Amino acid sequence: MNTAGHSEATARRGLELTPFRGLRYDPDRVGSLAAVTSPPYDVVVRPDGLYHLQSADPYNIVRLILPQATTPSARSEQAAATLRRWLSEGILTADPEPGLYVYEQRDGGGMLQRGIIGILRLSDPSEGVVLPHEDVMPHVVADRAALMRATSANLEPLLLTYRGDNPAAAAAEAVEDAVGRPPLLATTTEDGFSHRLWSITDPETVAGIQSDLARHQALIADGHHRWATYRRLRAEHTAPGPWDYGLVLLVDTARYPLRVRAIHRLLHGLPVSEALAALDGLFQVRRLDVPLPAALEALADAACVGNAFLLAGDGAFHLVDRPDPDLLDRTIPADRPTAWRTLDATVLHATLLEHVWHIPEDSPAHIAYIHDTAATVEKAERDGGTAVLMHPVREEVVRDLARQGVTMPRKSTSFGPKPASGLVLRALDV
């Protein structure tokens, strides 16, 4: 297999999606498919959430993606041993022939997402094929690399998006044709989402999908650290091979738009009173003695005018907006596009964290990134820290910056719904 990064593959190419033999749970060997699934590893952030998943079923996928041991090496070794045991016991089995997989998620509120799971040729940023939009944290990449290296597996797919330009294109037609057949699996998880999976093994259909996708580029919606991990592991191998590809879910957002939500920050060791005191004269601050939904509405209104944040952790909400323009001029680099300079995440990291609160953004001892709004507030109140609640960025802003080669501050967006982990895995030696 020729891939970018190897000497024999330097020509510019588009998306190259390849079939693979998916590893899937044997439904006769587990309590239920819903009980063995999990959100992606970086969404399971609370210890009680991890314990809940571990308790749901002895074979829950969280034992592979978030193994519990005292050291990083022990965690990776534990996951590898668990995967080997599940394979030998037939808990996980490989499908008989390679295929692409159509994956559907649906909730009771009208959200419907459909996409194609396969293994994608890895590419360098200079190719402009897969567009990252966020920076990554080296320690997270190192952790994921150790896990993938030990298990020799891609345990959960990344979420990538592309903009299809024709509803009659081969990929779109293949997705719609597949959902008219009985699925390989169907389950409903406790969050109310139903999940269905189909395989596409017909060579002609697969070839049509591949030809269609080769015309497109993709945006990383979720999985920047795993994409960086894929590329790091590929760089460790000098000859073409299975590490040249990584497991992804590709969604055509022209047909199935994603939700874009914010990722919030929890600042350890910084009481709300100290955070607010440091803002005196630099931002406007208003105390809101209202419930969380009303506070978020106020944040949304303020975000329509300019940069705005909600601070919480002391039993109230504090709307922080209207930053001093001179402060922004002093703290935000002037050599970036205006769309980047005016992002809330840019102002948070370049101005508030670095210059006002003096908090290192790359330290998990100082900052936690949490997707759930209520959980962020609850943890701040329990631990005596400060929750910084963010307003989401529009998808078109993200895509435009990514096409310019401009990365946003890390953990700036949360695209969803994210694919459930545990429905289909990829072992590199299968």
Protein backbone atom coordinates (compact mmCIF):
# COMPACT_ATOMS: atom_id res chain seq x y z
CA MET A 1 0.00 0.00 0.00
CA ASN A 2 1.54 3.28 -1.08
CA THR A 3 0.93 6.21 1.20
CA ALA A 4 2.03 9.76 1.70
CA GLY A 5 5.16 9.80 3.76
CA HIS A 6 6.74 6.97 1.81
CA SER A 7 9.01 7.77 -1.11
CA GLU A 8 6.88 6.00 -3.68
CA ALA A 9 3.78 8.03 -2.90
CA THR A 10 4.26 11.75 -3.26
CA ALA A 11 1.52 12.63 -5.77
CA ARG A 12 -1.40 14.70 -4.51
CA ARG A 13 -4.50 12.56 -3.93
CA GLY A 14 -7.92 12.94 -2.37
CA LEU A 15 -9.69 10.83 0.23
CA GLU A 16 -8.78 7.16 -0.14
CA LEU A 17 -11.15 4.98 1.86
CA THR A 18 -10.45 1.25 1.97
CA PRO A 19 -12.57 -1.70 3.15
CA PHE A 20 -11.44 -3.69 6.17
CA ARG A 21 -12.57 -6.70 8.21
CA GLY A 22 -14.28 -5.09 11.17
CA LEU A 23 -14.04 -6.55 14.66
CA ARG A 24 -17.47 -6.69 16.26
CA TYR A 25 -18.95 -8.05 19.45
CA ASP A 26 -20.69 -11.39 19.17
CA PRO A 27 -24.20 -10.49 20.38
CA ASP A 28 -24.61 -14.00 21.82
CA ARG A 29 -21.60 -13.48 24.11
CA VAL A 30 -22.48 -10.13 25.69
CA GLY A 31 -25.43 -8.95 27.73
CA SER A 32 -26.47 -6.38 25.13
CA LEU A 33 -24.74 -4.35 22.47
CA ALA A 34 -25.78 -1.14 24.22
CA ALA A 35 -24.09 -2.29 27.43
CA VAL A 36 -20.70 -2.78 25.76
CA THR A 37 -20.57 0.59 24.00
CA SER A 38 -19.08 3.84 25.29
CA PRO A 39 -18.68 7.45 24.22
CA PRO A 40 -15.23 8.22 22.73
CA TYR A 41 -12.39 8.00 25.23
CA ASP A 42 -12.05 11.78 25.65
CA VAL A 43 -15.74 12.24 26.50
CA VAL A 44 -15.58 9.81 29.45
CA VAL A 45 -14.00 12.27 31.84
CA ARG A 46 -15.78 11.74 35.15
CA PRO A 47 -14.75 8.85 37.43
CA ASP A 48 -18.42 8.04 38.09
CA GLY A 49 -19.02 7.83 34.34
CA LEU A 50 -16.11 5.45 33.93
CA TYR A 51 -17.31 3.29 36.82
CA HIS A 52 -20.82 3.24 35.35
CA LEU A 53 -19.53 1.95 32.02
CA GLN A 54 -17.31 -0.65 33.65
CA SER A 55 -20.29 -1.86 35.67
CA ALA A 56 -22.61 -2.01 32.66
CA ASP A 57 -20.98 -5.16 31.26
CA PRO A 58 -17.71 -7.00 31.91
CA TYR A 59 -16.89 -6.58 28.22
CA ASN A 60 -17.60 -2.86 27.90
CA ILE A 61 -15.24 -1.25 25.38
CA VAL A 62 -14.07 1.24 28.01
CA ARG A 63 -11.78 -1.51 29.29
CA LEU A 64 -9.87 -1.17 26.03
CA ILE A 65 -10.00 2.56 25.37
CA LEU A 66 -9.53 3.66 29.00
CA PRO A 67 -7.82 0.79 30.84
CA GLN A 68 -7.36 1.39 34.56
CA ALA A 69 -3.82 0.78 35.81
CA THR A 70 -1.25 2.73 37.78
CA THR A 71 1.20 3.60 34.97
CA PRO A 72 0.87 4.41 31.24
CA SER A 73 2.79 1.29 30.23
CA ALA A 74 0.66 -0.87 32.51
CA ARG A 75 -2.51 0.59 31.02
CA SER A 76 -1.42 -0.22 27.48
CA GLU A 77 -0.33 -3.73 28.43
CA GLN A 78 -3.61 -4.29 30.23
CA ALA A 79 -5.63 -3.21 27.17
CA ALA A 80 -3.56 -5.45 24.89
CA ALA A 81 -4.04 -8.46 27.17
CA THR A 82 -7.77 -7.77 27.41
CA LEU A 83 -8.11 -7.52 23.63
CA ARG A 84 -6.19 -10.78 23.12
CA ARG A 85 -8.40 -12.54 25.66
CA TRP A 86 -11.63 -11.27 24.12
CA LEU A 87 -10.46 -12.39 20.67
CA SER A 88 -9.46 -15.83 21.90
CA GLU A 89 -12.77 -16.23 23.74
CA GLY A 90 -14.80 -15.10 20.71
CA ILE A 91 -16.20 -12.04 22.45
CA LEU A 92 -14.92 -10.02 19.49
CA THR A 93 -14.85 -11.63 16.05
CA ALA A 94 -13.72 -10.41 12.64
CA ASP A 95 -16.23 -10.15 9.84
CA PRO A 96 -15.63 -12.79 7.15
CA GLU A 97 -14.74 -10.36 4.34
CA PRO A 98 -13.55 -6.76 4.06
CA GLY A 99 -16.16 -4.09 3.70
CA LEU A 100 -17.10 -0.51 4.24
CA TYR A 101 -19.72 0.10 6.91
CA VAL A 102 -22.70 2.42 6.82
CA TYR A 103 -23.41 3.77 10.28
CA GLU A 104 -26.59 5.52 11.38
CA GLN A 105 -27.39 7.42 14.57
CA ARG A 106 -30.83 8.78 15.38
CA ASP A 107 -32.36 10.39 18.46
CA GLY A 108 -35.91 11.23 19.44
CA GLY A 109 -35.44 14.90 18.69
CA GLY A 110 -35.07 14.64 14.93
CA MET A 111 -31.29 14.27 14.73
CA LEU A 112 -30.28 11.80 12.01
CA GLN A 113 -26.69 11.14 11.03
CA ARG A 114 -25.45 8.66 8.47
CA GLY A 115 -21.92 8.07 7.27
CA ILE A 116 -19.40 5.52 6.05
CA ILE A 117 -16.80 3.79 8.22
CA GLY A 118 -13.61 2.58 6.59
CA ILE A 119 -9.86 2.90 6.87
CA LEU A 120 -8.51 6.11 5.37
CA ARG A 121 -5.07 6.64 3.84
CA LEU A 122 -3.11 8.93 6.12
CA SER A 123 -1.95 12.18 4.58
CA ASP A 124 0.27 15.09 5.49
CA PRO A 125 -1.23 18.54 6.17
CA SER A 126 0.50 19.88 3.05
CA GLU A 127 -1.68 17.63 0.89
CA GLY A 128 -4.84 19.44 2.00
CA VAL A 129 -6.80 16.18 2.06
CA VAL A 130 -7.61 15.93 5.77
CA LEU A 131 -7.94 19.31 7.45
CA PRO A 132 -7.24 19.62 11.16
CA HIS A 133 -8.59 22.68 12.91
CA GLU A 134 -7.21 22.29 16.42
CA ASP A 135 -3.83 21.85 18.04
CA VAL A 136 -3.11 18.71 20.04
CA MET A 137 -1.51 18.01 23.40
CA PRO A 138 1.66 15.89 23.08
CA HIS A 139 1.03 13.87 26.24
CA VAL A 140 -2.39 12.77 24.94
CA VAL A 141 -0.90 11.72 21.59
CA ALA A 142 1.81 9.78 23.41
CA ASP A 143 -0.83 8.02 25.54
CA ARG A 144 -2.97 7.06 22.53
CA ALA A 145 0.12 5.95 20.59
CA ALA A 146 1.20 3.62 23.40
CA LEU A 147 -2.30 2.15 23.50
CA MET A 148 -2.57 1.60 19.73
CA ARG A 149 0.98 0.29 19.54
CA ALA A 150 0.35 -2.26 22.29
CA THR A 151 -3.02 -3.43 20.97
CA SER A 152 -2.07 -3.14 17.27
CA ALA A 153 -5.59 -1.85 16.75
CA ASN A 154 -7.72 1.20 16.04
CA LEU A 155 -10.26 0.87 18.83
CA GLU A 156 -12.67 3.65 17.83
CA PRO A 157 -13.25 5.67 14.65
CA LEU A 158 -12.49 9.36 14.20
CA LEU A 159 -15.33 11.58 13.02
CA LEU A 160 -14.52 13.34 9.71
CA THR A 161 -16.85 15.47 7.61
CA TYR A 162 -16.94 16.40 3.95
CA ARG A 163 -19.33 18.44 1.84
CA GLY A 164 -20.94 16.33 -0.85
CA ASP A 165 -22.08 18.23 -3.91
CA ASN A 166 -24.51 15.77 -5.48
CA PRO A 167 -27.26 13.69 -3.79
CA ALA A 168 -26.97 11.21 -6.67
CA ALA A 169 -23.23 10.67 -6.11
CA ALA A 170 -22.10 7.11 -5.52
CA ALA A 171 -21.32 7.52 -1.81
CA ALA A 172 -24.68 9.14 -1.07
CA GLU A 173 -26.59 6.51 -3.05
CA ALA A 174 -24.68 3.67 -1.38
CA VAL A 175 -25.59 4.99 2.07
CA GLU A 176 -29.28 5.31 1.22
CA ASP A 177 -29.37 1.89 -0.47
CA ALA A 178 -27.75 0.24 2.54
CA VAL A 179 -30.26 1.57 5.07
CA GLY A 180 -33.03 -0.11 3.12
CA ARG A 181 -31.59 -3.53 4.04
CA PRO A 182 -31.66 -5.33 7.39
CA PRO A 183 -28.73 -4.08 9.50
CA LEU A 184 -25.84 -6.08 10.89
CA LEU A 185 -26.70 -4.68 14.29
CA ALA A 186 -29.18 -2.34 15.90
CA THR A 187 -29.19 -1.06 19.45
CA THR A 188 -30.31 1.91 21.52
CA THR A 189 -27.95 3.34 24.10
CA GLU A 190 -29.00 4.93 27.39
CA ASP A 191 -28.60 8.44 25.98
CA GLY A 192 -31.60 7.72 23.73
CA PHE A 193 -29.64 7.35 20.49
CA SER A 194 -30.39 4.40 18.26
CA HIS A 195 -27.47 2.92 16.31
CA ARG A 196 -27.55 0.75 13.19
CA LEU A 197 -24.73 -0.68 11.11
CA TRP A 198 -24.61 -2.20 7.63
CA SER A 199 -21.72 -3.58 5.58
CA ILE A 200 -20.97 -2.89 1.93
CA THR A 201 -18.86 -5.62 0.33
CA ASP A 202 -19.95 -5.50 -3.31
CA PRO A 203 -16.76 -4.57 -5.28
CA GLU A 204 -18.59 -2.35 -7.75
CA THR A 205 -20.35 -0.38 -5.01
CA VAL A 206 -17.13 -0.03 -3.04
CA ALA A 207 -15.30 1.20 -6.14
CA GLY A 208 -18.01 3.79 -6.79
CA ILE A 209 -17.72 5.11 -3.22
CA GLN A 210 -13.95 5.28 -3.49
CA SER A 211 -14.08 7.15 -6.79
CA ASP A 212 -16.61 9.62 -5.39
CA LEU A 213 -14.67 10.33 -2.17
CA ALA A 214 -11.42 10.80 -4.08
CA ARG A 215 -12.80 14.18 -5.23
CA HIS A 216 -13.24 15.50 -1.69
CA GLN A 217 -11.28 16.76 1.29
CA ALA A 218 -12.37 16.15 4.88
CA LEU A 219 -12.46 18.20 8.05
CA ILE A 220 -11.57 16.52 11.33
CA ALA A 221 -14.70 17.02 13.39
CA ASP A 222 -13.63 14.87 16.34
CA GLY A 223 -10.40 12.97 16.88
CA HIS A 224 -7.48 15.35 16.37
CA HIS A 225 -5.36 13.47 18.90
CA ARG A 226 -6.12 10.11 17.32
CA TRP A 227 -5.34 11.48 13.83
CA ALA A 228 -2.03 12.81 15.15
CA THR A 229 -1.47 9.40 16.74
CA TYR A 230 -2.14 7.63 13.43
CA ARG A 231 0.44 9.85 11.74
CA ARG A 232 2.96 9.36 14.53
CA LEU A 233 2.67 5.57 14.33
CA ARG A 234 2.90 5.64 10.55
CA ALA A 235 6.16 7.61 10.84
CA GLU A 236 7.61 4.77 12.93
CA HIS A 237 7.35 2.40 9.95
CA THR A 238 9.56 2.86 6.90
CA ALA A 239 7.74 0.44 4.60
CA PRO A 240 4.12 0.65 3.42
CA GLY A 241 1.74 -1.34 5.57
CA PRO A 242 -1.40 -1.28 7.73
CA TRP A 243 -0.17 1.69 9.80
CA ASP A 244 -0.61 3.82 6.66
CA TYR A 245 -4.37 3.78 7.25
CA GLY A 246 -6.60 4.75 10.17
CA LEU A 247 -10.17 3.99 11.17
CA VAL A 248 -12.61 6.84 10.42
CA LEU A 249 -16.28 7.67 10.05
CA LEU A 250 -16.94 10.01 7.10
CA VAL A 251 -20.15 12.05 7.21
CA ASP A 252 -21.46 14.19 4.35
CA THR A 253 -22.64 17.27 6.25
CA ALA A 254 -24.36 18.67 3.17
CA ARG A 255 -26.87 15.84 3.71
CA TYR A 256 -26.49 15.22 7.43
CA PRO A 257 -25.42 18.38 9.28
CA LEU A 258 -23.69 17.88 12.61
CA ARG A 259 -24.35 19.70 15.84
CA VAL A 260 -21.50 21.91 16.98
CA ARG A 261 -21.20 22.41 20.71
CA ALA A 262 -18.61 24.04 22.94
CA ILE A 263 -16.07 22.27 25.11
CA HIS A 264 -15.87 23.87 28.52
CA ARG A 265 -12.88 24.41 30.80
CA LEU A 266 -12.49 23.55 34.46
CA LEU A 267 -9.68 25.52 36.09
CA HIS A 268 -8.30 23.61 39.04
CA GLY A 269 -7.09 25.59 42.02
CA LEU A 270 -8.52 28.91 40.88
CA PRO A 271 -11.52 29.98 43.00
CA VAL A 272 -14.15 32.01 41.23
CA SER A 273 -13.52 34.98 43.53
CA GLU A 274 -9.87 35.14 42.46
CA ALA A 275 -10.73 34.68 38.78
CA LEU A 276 -13.21 37.56 38.94
CA ALA A 277 -10.87 39.84 40.87
CA ALA A 278 -8.23 39.49 38.17
CA LEU A 279 -10.75 40.70 35.55
CA ASP A 280 -11.36 44.05 37.21
CA GLY A 281 -11.04 46.77 34.60
CA LEU A 282 -10.30 44.32 31.80
CA PHE A 283 -13.73 42.78 31.11
CA GLN A 284 -17.30 43.62 31.98
CA VAL A 285 -18.60 41.20 34.64
CA ARG A 286 -22.26 40.71 35.59
CA ARG A 287 -23.53 38.29 38.23
CA LEU A 288 -26.50 36.17 37.09
CA ASP A 289 -28.59 34.57 39.83
CA VAL A 290 -30.51 32.40 37.37
CA PRO A 291 -30.66 28.68 36.48
CA LEU A 292 -28.15 27.24 34.02
CA PRO A 293 -30.46 27.36 30.93
CA ALA A 294 -31.13 31.08 31.46
CA ALA A 295 -27.44 31.76 32.01
CA LEU A 296 -26.61 30.01 28.74
CA GLU A 297 -29.21 32.13 26.95
CA ALA A 298 -27.53 35.24 28.30
CA LEU A 299 -24.18 33.90 27.09
CA ALA A 300 -25.60 33.29 23.61
CA ASP A 301 -26.98 36.84 23.45
CA ALA A 302 -23.65 38.33 24.54
CA ALA A 303 -21.74 36.14 22.07
CA CYS A 304 -23.70 37.72 19.21
CA VAL A 305 -22.00 41.04 20.04
CA GLY A 306 -18.45 39.91 20.90
CA ASN A 307 -16.35 37.64 23.07
CA ALA A 308 -18.25 36.28 26.06
CA PHE A 309 -17.85 33.60 28.73
CA LEU A 310 -19.71 32.29 31.76
CA LEU A 311 -17.78 31.67 34.98
CA ALA A 312 -19.29 29.36 37.59
CA GLY A 313 -18.32 27.44 40.69
CA ASP A 314 -19.53 29.60 43.56
CA GLY A 315 -23.26 28.95 43.29
CA ALA A 316 -23.92 31.68 40.73
CA PHE A 317 -23.08 32.47 37.12
CA HIS A 318 -20.95 35.42 36.07
CA LEU A 319 -21.22 36.74 32.51
CA VAL A 320 -17.83 37.97 31.33
CA ASP A 321 -17.83 40.01 28.11
CA ARG A 322 -16.75 43.26 26.41
CA PRO A 323 -12.99 42.83 26.79
CA ASP A 324 -10.77 45.90 26.79
CA PRO A 325 -9.65 46.36 23.15
CA ASP A 326 -6.18 47.46 24.25
CA LEU A 327 -5.82 44.24 26.23
CA LEU A 328 -6.69 42.18 23.15
CA ASP A 329 -4.24 44.13 21.00
CA ARG A 330 -1.46 43.44 23.52
CA THR A 331 -2.15 39.72 23.97
CA ILE A 332 -3.41 38.29 20.68
CA PRO A 333 -1.01 37.79 17.74
CA ALA A 334 -1.69 40.21 14.93
CA ASP A 335 -0.44 37.91 12.14
CA ARG A 336 -3.51 35.66 12.13
CA PRO A 337 -6.83 35.99 10.25
CA THR A 338 -9.48 38.12 11.89
CA ALA A 339 -11.76 35.10 12.26
CA TRP A 340 -9.08 33.43 14.40
CA ARG A 341 -8.22 36.54 16.43
CA THR A 342 -11.85 37.05 17.42
CA LEU A 343 -12.60 33.46 18.47
CA ASP A 344 -13.70 33.07 22.09
CA ALA A 345 -11.20 30.23 22.45
CA THR A 346 -8.40 32.49 21.21
CA VAL A 347 -9.29 35.19 23.72
CA LEU A 348 -9.60 32.62 26.48
CA HIS A 349 -6.22 31.00 25.86
CA ALA A 350 -4.13 33.94 24.64
CA THR A 351 -5.57 36.59 26.92
CA LEU A 352 -7.30 35.12 29.98
CA LEU A 353 -5.27 31.99 30.65
CA GLU A 354 -1.84 33.28 29.67
CA HIS A 355 -1.90 36.94 30.65
CA VAL A 356 -4.68 37.41 33.20
CA TRP A 357 -4.85 34.18 35.20
CA HIS A 358 -1.32 32.91 34.38
CA ILE A 359 -2.45 29.31 33.91
CA PRO A 360 -0.47 26.95 31.61
CA GLU A 361 -2.91 25.57 29.06
CA ASP A 362 -0.99 22.35 28.46
CA SER A 363 -1.15 21.06 32.03
CA PRO A 364 -3.91 18.61 33.03
CA ALA A 365 -3.12 19.54 36.63
CA HIS A 366 -4.45 23.03 35.93
CA ILE A 367 -7.13 22.59 33.23
CA ALA A 368 -9.71 19.92 32.44
CA TYR A 369 -11.71 19.97 29.21
CA ILE A 370 -15.30 18.80 29.72
CA HIS A 371 -18.07 18.45 27.14
CA ASP A 372 -21.03 18.33 29.53
CA THR A 373 -22.09 21.79 30.72
CA ALA A 374 -23.80 20.77 33.96
CA ALA A 375 -20.96 18.41 34.85
CA THR A 376 -18.42 21.22 34.46
CA VAL A 377 -20.37 23.44 36.84
CA GLU A 378 -20.94 20.67 39.37
CA LYS A 379 -17.28 19.71 39.46
CA ALA A 380 -16.18 23.34 39.87
CA GLU A 381 -18.55 23.78 42.80
CA ARG A 382 -17.42 20.52 44.38
CA ASP A 383 -13.69 21.14 43.93
CA GLY A 384 -13.56 24.88 44.53
CA GLY A 385 -12.34 25.67 41.02
CA THR A 386 -13.68 27.85 38.22
CA ALA A 387 -15.82 26.59 35.36
CA VAL A 388 -15.45 28.56 32.13
CA LEU A 389 -18.46 27.90 29.93
CA MET A 390 -18.07 28.59 26.21
CA HIS A 391 -20.43 29.39 23.34
CA PRO A 392 -20.08 27.12 20.28
CA VAL A 393 -18.39 28.13 17.03
CA ARG A 394 -20.25 27.83 13.72
CA GLU A 395 -19.11 24.98 11.46
CA GLU A 396 -18.47 27.27 8.48
CA VAL A 397 -15.99 29.30 10.55
CA VAL A 398 -14.15 26.13 11.52
CA ARG A 399 -13.99 24.86 7.94
CA ASP A 400 -12.87 28.21 6.52
CA LEU A 401 -10.00 28.50 8.99
CA ALA A 402 -8.97 24.90 8.38
CA ARG A 403 -8.80 25.51 4.63
CA GLN A 404 -6.49 28.44 5.31
CA GLY A 405 -4.24 26.12 7.29
CA VAL A 406 -5.01 27.96 10.53
CA THR A 407 -5.52 25.82 13.61
CA MET A 408 -7.85 26.91 16.38
CA PRO A 409 -6.92 26.67 20.06
CA ARG A 410 -7.19 23.09 21.27
CA LYS A 411 -10.58 21.78 22.31
CA SER A 412 -12.41 24.69 20.65
CA THR A 413 -15.33 22.67 19.30
CA SER A 414 -17.39 19.56 19.93
CA PHE A 415 -19.01 18.15 16.82
CA GLY A 416 -21.67 15.54 17.25
CA PRO A 417 -23.24 13.19 17.58
CA LYS A 418 -19.99 11.30 17.96
CA PRO A 419 -19.84 7.67 16.89
CA ALA A 420 -20.31 5.22 19.72
CA SER A 421 -17.18 3.26 20.53
CA GLY A 422 -17.53 -0.51 20.50
CA LEU A 423 -19.71 -1.07 17.45
CA VAL A 424 -16.85 -1.79 15.03
CA LEU A 425 -13.10 -1.93 15.68
CA ARG A 426 -10.09 -2.53 13.46
CA ALA A 427 -7.25 -4.91 14.23
CA LEU A 428 -4.22 -4.19 12.08
CA ASP A 429 -3.24 -7.84 11.77
CA VAL A 430 -6.65 -9.09 10.60
